[in-house]
Amino acid sequence: MDSGVAWRMDVARRVADAYGVKDNLAAVTVAGSVGAGLADRWSDLELDCYWRQPPTDADRRGPIERLGVDLETFWDYDPDDQEWSEDYRLGGLGVTVSNFTVDVVDGILDVVVGQASTDPLAHMRVAAIQRCQPLRGGDLVQAWRMRADKYPDRLVAAMVEKSLTPGVLAGWPAREALVERGDTIAVHALLGRIEQAVFAAVSALNRIYQPHRLGKWQRHHMARFTIAPNEFARRLDDLGQGPHHERLATAEALLAETVTLVGEHSAADLTALSDVLGQRRKPVPLSLGDNGKRGR
């Protein structure tokens, strides 16, 4: 284990021990980059606590008092995220604890795996279950992982269709005009949408839940792909560098190859996106004669 991960895991165990023996506490896991074994010098510590019944304020404050640290924030229940959370520091290390009930996680797995929900927050929670390091409740976490691993075909199709909508290609038919006019903001926005969309679609083809909306730790994420366009990582990097006309040509080839892979590995319908992908605005003639024909 990398030393940057190892000492953070030692801190995590110290925090977990501070909870003592509580029947209501079903599991404690190390989440985020530490749990995934990727922590670097920028990484804080994220812990997830899973409770059989909603935790009381005393349940949450007790470990903090036993650790002897100063509490920075103590959030009430957030109905959108379905969690309680608190933040504090141990030495120079920031610690965030997120609290969920077991029923919430069971419900998330029901809607994602059972009903093919594409909700990004739910997918992040499932990804956290898959990537974490359990400190307590390993059997429960393993049971959740077994459910999460059953990424259904209809979820693949739903995620691909959500990712590769025609809206991703807004401005695409006029791409050459954008370059010629120097509309760099519009070109960058177009390429950014394509980059995010292709990354999400290929993740779905590989039945991998996205752990973060921003695509953090992308190289680790892509290293798990067994289905992807050729030289996928390099070509994604190429979308962010070089002359604009070359970047757009790379995007077009990458999209076309992704659409082909989607057809081979899913039942997703990308007809609308493919129609836009084939469009190209033609320049207007320099002048028109009196009869409406191009002048000489």
Protein backbone atom coordinates (compact mmCIF):
# COMPACT_ATOMS: atom_id res chain seq x y z
CA MET A 1 0.00 0.00 0.00
CA ASP A 2 1.30 3.46 -0.91
CA SER A 3 2.51 5.34 2.16
CA GLY A 4 0.11 8.21 1.44
CA VAL A 5 -2.75 5.74 1.65
CA ALA A 6 -1.33 3.73 4.55
CA TRP A 7 -1.08 6.53 7.12
CA ARG A 8 -4.51 7.84 6.16
CA MET A 9 -5.91 4.34 6.69
CA ASP A 10 -4.31 4.34 10.16
CA VAL A 11 -6.15 7.58 10.90
CA ALA A 12 -9.36 6.04 9.57
CA ARG A 13 -9.02 3.08 11.96
CA ARG A 14 -8.48 5.48 14.83
CA VAL A 15 -11.69 7.32 13.93
CA ALA A 16 -13.62 4.06 13.55
CA ASP A 17 -12.42 2.91 16.99
CA ALA A 18 -13.76 6.14 18.49
CA TYR A 19 -17.31 5.00 17.75
CA GLY A 20 -16.96 2.18 20.25
CA VAL A 21 -19.40 -0.73 20.20
CA LYS A 22 -22.78 0.38 18.89
CA ASP A 23 -25.44 -2.10 17.79
CA ASN A 24 -27.01 0.60 15.65
CA LEU A 25 -23.81 1.10 13.61
CA ALA A 26 -23.94 -1.54 10.86
CA ALA A 27 -20.82 -0.60 8.90
CA VAL A 28 -17.99 1.92 8.68
CA THR A 29 -16.06 2.28 5.43
CA VAL A 30 -13.20 4.36 4.10
CA ALA A 31 -14.46 6.07 0.96
CA GLY A 32 -13.02 8.45 -1.63
CA SER A 33 -9.47 8.27 -2.93
CA VAL A 34 -8.17 6.68 0.29
CA GLY A 35 -10.67 3.82 0.11
CA ALA A 36 -9.86 3.32 -3.57
CA GLY A 37 -6.13 3.19 -2.80
CA LEU A 38 -5.37 6.33 -4.83
CA ALA A 39 -4.70 8.98 -2.20
CA ASP A 40 -2.07 11.61 -2.94
CA ARG A 41 -0.89 14.77 -1.19
CA TRP A 42 -4.18 16.51 -2.00
CA SER A 43 -6.40 13.84 -0.46
CA ASP A 44 -8.51 14.31 2.63
CA LEU A 45 -10.15 11.42 4.46
CA GLU A 46 -13.75 10.41 3.77
CA LEU A 47 -15.59 7.97 6.01
CA ASP A 48 -19.06 6.57 5.47
CA CYS A 49 -21.12 5.31 8.41
CA TYR A 50 -24.15 3.11 7.78
CA TRP A 51 -26.74 2.98 10.55
CA ARG A 52 -29.63 0.59 11.09
CA GLN A 53 -31.70 3.47 12.44
CA PRO A 54 -31.13 7.22 11.95
CA PRO A 55 -28.17 8.33 14.08
CA THR A 56 -28.74 10.74 16.93
CA ASP A 57 -26.65 13.86 17.42
CA ALA A 58 -24.97 12.05 20.31
CA ASP A 59 -24.08 9.14 18.01
CA ARG A 60 -22.31 11.56 15.69
CA ARG A 61 -20.74 13.92 18.23
CA GLY A 62 -19.48 11.22 20.59
CA PRO A 63 -16.57 10.04 18.40
CA ILE A 64 -15.53 13.64 17.75
CA GLU A 65 -15.40 14.37 21.46
CA ARG A 66 -13.43 11.18 22.13
CA LEU A 67 -10.94 12.12 19.41
CA GLY A 68 -10.53 15.56 21.00
CA VAL A 69 -10.80 17.48 17.75
CA ASP A 70 -12.57 20.70 16.87
CA LEU A 71 -15.76 20.29 14.85
CA GLU A 72 -15.90 22.50 11.74
CA THR A 73 -19.38 21.72 10.40
CA PHE A 74 -22.26 19.58 11.63
CA TRP A 75 -24.95 19.22 9.00
CA ASP A 76 -28.53 18.23 9.70
CA TYR A 77 -30.19 15.58 7.57
CA ASP A 78 -30.19 16.45 3.85
CA PRO A 79 -33.29 14.91 2.24
CA ASP A 80 -31.85 15.29 -1.26
CA ASP A 81 -28.62 13.44 -0.47
CA GLN A 82 -30.35 11.31 2.20
CA GLU A 83 -27.44 11.79 4.58
CA TRP A 84 -26.12 13.54 7.67
CA SER A 85 -22.52 14.75 7.59
CA GLU A 86 -19.85 16.40 9.70
CA ASP A 87 -16.38 17.83 9.02
CA TYR A 88 -13.36 18.22 11.28
CA ARG A 89 -9.57 18.04 11.16
CA LEU A 90 -7.13 15.60 12.68
CA GLY A 91 -3.82 17.40 12.60
CA GLY A 92 -3.58 18.73 9.07
CA LEU A 93 -5.90 16.10 7.63
CA GLY A 94 -9.46 17.06 6.78
CA VAL A 95 -12.04 14.43 7.73
CA THR A 96 -15.55 14.23 6.31
CA VAL A 97 -17.99 11.71 7.75
CA SER A 98 -21.15 10.90 5.81
CA ASN A 99 -23.94 9.02 7.56
CA PHE A 100 -26.60 6.93 5.84
CA THR A 101 -29.15 4.39 6.94
CA VAL A 102 -28.95 0.84 5.66
CA ASP A 103 -32.44 1.24 4.21
CA VAL A 104 -31.27 4.18 2.09
CA VAL A 105 -28.52 2.12 0.49
CA ASP A 106 -30.90 -0.79 -0.09
CA GLY A 107 -33.31 1.65 -1.74
CA ILE A 108 -30.59 3.13 -3.94
CA LEU A 109 -29.58 -0.33 -5.15
CA ASP A 110 -33.24 -1.11 -5.83
CA VAL A 111 -33.69 1.90 -8.12
CA VAL A 112 -30.29 1.68 -9.85
CA VAL A 113 -29.96 -2.06 -10.41
CA GLY A 114 -33.62 -3.01 -10.29
CA GLN A 115 -35.17 -0.04 -12.09
CA ALA A 116 -32.22 1.20 -14.23
CA SER A 117 -32.16 4.68 -12.69
CA THR A 118 -29.58 7.00 -14.24
CA ASP A 119 -29.55 9.41 -11.28
CA PRO A 120 -25.90 10.54 -10.91
CA LEU A 121 -26.07 10.87 -7.13
CA ALA A 122 -27.35 7.30 -6.81
CA HIS A 123 -24.57 6.06 -9.11
CA MET A 124 -21.96 7.88 -7.02
CA ARG A 125 -23.27 6.15 -3.90
CA VAL A 126 -23.10 2.73 -5.58
CA ALA A 127 -19.58 3.48 -6.82
CA ALA A 128 -18.60 4.40 -3.26
CA ILE A 129 -19.81 1.01 -2.05
CA GLN A 130 -17.75 -0.76 -4.69
CA ARG A 131 -14.54 1.25 -4.12
CA CYS A 132 -14.52 1.53 -0.31
CA GLN A 133 -12.47 -0.25 2.34
CA PRO A 134 -14.74 -1.65 5.08
CA LEU A 135 -13.53 -1.23 8.65
CA ARG A 136 -16.73 -2.66 10.12
CA GLY A 137 -19.64 -4.53 8.59
CA GLY A 138 -17.66 -6.21 5.82
CA ASP A 139 -20.34 -8.84 5.22
CA LEU A 140 -23.00 -6.19 4.70
CA VAL A 141 -20.78 -4.22 2.31
CA GLN A 142 -19.98 -7.41 0.37
CA ALA A 143 -23.71 -8.17 0.02
CA TRP A 144 -24.26 -4.67 -1.37
CA ARG A 145 -21.37 -5.13 -3.79
CA MET A 146 -22.82 -8.36 -5.10
CA ARG A 147 -26.03 -6.51 -5.91
CA ALA A 148 -24.18 -3.59 -7.50
CA ASP A 149 -22.14 -5.91 -9.72
CA LYS A 150 -25.32 -6.98 -11.51
CA TYR A 151 -25.25 -3.94 -13.79
CA PRO A 152 -28.24 -4.77 -16.06
CA ASP A 153 -28.39 -4.46 -19.85
CA ARG A 154 -31.19 -1.92 -19.70
CA LEU A 155 -29.11 0.30 -17.41
CA VAL A 156 -26.29 0.19 -19.97
CA ALA A 157 -28.71 1.35 -22.68
CA ALA A 158 -30.26 4.01 -20.45
CA MET A 159 -26.88 5.46 -19.43
CA VAL A 160 -25.59 5.50 -23.02
CA GLU A 161 -28.72 7.24 -24.29
CA LYS A 162 -28.56 9.78 -21.45
CA SER A 163 -24.90 10.49 -22.19
CA LEU A 164 -25.01 10.69 -25.99
CA THR A 165 -28.00 12.94 -26.63
CA PRO A 166 -28.19 15.24 -29.69
CA GLY A 167 -27.77 18.14 -27.27
CA VAL A 168 -24.14 17.15 -26.79
CA LEU A 169 -23.57 18.20 -30.40
CA ALA A 170 -25.17 21.64 -30.18
CA GLY A 171 -23.25 23.73 -32.72
CA TRP A 172 -21.67 20.68 -34.38
CA PRO A 173 -22.98 21.30 -37.94
CA ALA A 174 -21.38 24.78 -37.84
CA ARG A 175 -18.05 23.61 -36.39
CA GLU A 176 -15.99 24.78 -39.35
CA ALA A 177 -17.60 28.21 -39.18
CA LEU A 178 -16.83 28.41 -35.45
CA VAL A 179 -13.15 27.67 -36.10
CA GLU A 180 -12.89 30.08 -39.03
CA ARG A 181 -14.50 32.89 -37.02
CA GLY A 182 -12.27 32.31 -34.02
CA ASP A 183 -15.18 31.36 -31.76
CA THR A 184 -12.92 29.52 -29.34
CA ILE A 185 -15.35 29.61 -26.42
CA ALA A 186 -17.98 27.81 -28.48
CA VAL A 187 -15.45 25.28 -29.79
CA HIS A 188 -14.11 24.55 -26.30
CA ALA A 189 -17.65 24.08 -24.96
CA LEU A 190 -18.51 21.69 -27.81
CA LEU A 191 -15.35 19.62 -27.30
CA GLY A 192 -15.87 19.56 -23.53
CA ARG A 193 -19.40 18.19 -23.92
CA ILE A 194 -18.18 15.53 -26.32
CA GLU A 195 -15.38 14.52 -23.97
CA GLN A 196 -17.73 14.13 -21.01
CA ALA A 197 -20.37 12.31 -23.07
CA VAL A 198 -18.02 9.78 -24.62
CA PHE A 199 -16.36 9.11 -21.26
CA ALA A 200 -19.74 8.46 -19.62
CA ALA A 201 -21.00 6.28 -22.47
CA VAL A 202 -17.89 4.10 -22.52
CA SER A 203 -18.09 3.77 -18.73
CA ALA A 204 -21.62 2.44 -19.15
CA LEU A 205 -20.55 -0.02 -21.85
CA ASN A 206 -18.07 -1.37 -19.32
CA ARG A 207 -20.78 -1.45 -16.63
CA ILE A 208 -18.81 0.88 -14.37
CA TYR A 209 -20.56 3.40 -12.14
CA GLN A 210 -19.08 6.90 -12.27
CA PRO A 211 -17.78 7.84 -8.81
CA HIS A 212 -17.79 11.58 -9.44
CA ARG A 213 -19.61 14.02 -11.70
CA LEU A 214 -16.32 15.65 -12.72
CA GLY A 215 -14.66 12.44 -13.89
CA LYS A 216 -11.93 12.62 -11.24
CA TRP A 217 -9.15 9.99 -11.28
CA GLN A 218 -9.94 9.42 -14.94
CA ARG A 219 -6.85 7.36 -15.78
CA HIS A 220 -7.53 4.89 -12.99
CA HIS A 221 -11.15 4.75 -14.13
CA MET A 222 -10.23 4.12 -17.78
CA ALA A 223 -7.68 1.46 -16.86
CA ARG A 224 -10.67 -0.75 -16.02
CA PHE A 225 -12.16 -0.50 -19.50
CA THR A 226 -12.20 -3.63 -21.62
CA ILE A 227 -14.47 -2.03 -24.23
CA ALA A 228 -13.25 1.31 -25.59
CA PRO A 229 -12.21 3.07 -28.79
CA ASN A 230 -8.59 2.47 -29.79
CA GLU A 231 -6.09 4.54 -27.77
CA PHE A 232 -8.98 6.03 -25.88
CA ALA A 233 -7.03 7.87 -23.18
CA ARG A 234 -4.63 9.50 -25.65
CA ARG A 235 -7.43 10.59 -27.97
CA LEU A 236 -9.36 12.13 -25.08
CA ASP A 237 -6.22 14.10 -24.23
CA ASP A 238 -5.97 15.16 -27.88
CA LEU A 239 -9.38 16.83 -27.60
CA GLY A 240 -7.78 19.39 -25.30
CA GLN A 241 -4.70 20.30 -27.30
CA GLY A 242 -3.60 21.18 -30.81
CA PRO A 243 -5.25 23.19 -33.60
CA HIS A 244 -9.02 23.34 -33.36
CA HIS A 245 -9.65 21.69 -36.73
CA GLU A 246 -7.53 18.68 -35.65
CA ARG A 247 -9.30 18.44 -32.33
CA LEU A 248 -12.69 18.45 -34.04
CA ALA A 249 -11.54 15.76 -36.47
CA THR A 250 -10.43 13.65 -33.49
CA ALA A 251 -13.81 14.22 -31.83
CA GLU A 252 -15.67 13.15 -34.97
CA ALA A 253 -13.68 9.93 -35.30
CA LEU A 254 -14.01 9.20 -31.57
CA LEU A 255 -17.76 9.72 -31.64
CA ALA A 256 -18.17 7.52 -34.72
CA GLU A 257 -16.16 4.72 -33.15
CA THR A 258 -18.10 5.03 -29.89
CA VAL A 259 -21.41 4.81 -31.75
CA THR A 260 -20.18 1.62 -33.42
CA LEU A 261 -19.21 0.11 -30.06
CA VAL A 262 -22.59 1.06 -28.64
CA GLY A 263 -24.28 -0.82 -31.46
CA GLU A 264 -22.13 -3.87 -30.81
CA HIS A 265 -22.51 -3.98 -27.03
CA SER A 266 -25.88 -2.50 -26.14
CA ALA A 267 -29.45 -1.96 -27.24
CA ALA A 268 -29.16 1.84 -26.98
CA ASP A 269 -30.76 3.87 -29.76
CA LEU A 270 -28.43 6.63 -30.98
CA THR A 271 -30.25 7.40 -34.22
CA ALA A 272 -30.84 11.05 -33.31
CA LEU A 273 -27.20 11.64 -32.36
CA SER A 274 -25.95 9.90 -35.50
CA ASP A 275 -28.14 12.15 -37.63
CA VAL A 276 -26.56 15.26 -36.13
CA LEU A 277 -23.06 13.78 -36.33
CA GLY A 278 -23.40 13.52 -40.10
CA GLN A 279 -24.41 17.16 -40.55
CA ARG A 280 -22.07 19.84 -41.86
CA ARG A 281 -23.06 23.40 -42.73
CA LYS A 282 -22.07 24.44 -46.24
CA PRO A 283 -20.72 27.94 -46.88
CA VAL A 284 -23.00 30.34 -48.72
CA PRO A 285 -21.77 31.40 -52.22
CA LEU A 286 -19.92 34.70 -52.31
CA SER A 287 -22.61 36.30 -54.44
CA LEU A 288 -25.85 35.49 -56.24
CA GLY A 289 -26.88 36.60 -59.73
CA ASP A 290 -30.19 38.36 -60.41
CA ASN A 291 -31.80 35.03 -61.23
CA GLY A 292 -30.74 33.51 -57.92
CA LYS A 293 -27.83 31.59 -59.39
CA ARG A 294 -24.30 32.04 -58.21
CA GLY A 295 -22.64 35.03 -59.86
CA ARG A 296 -19.43 34.81 -61.84
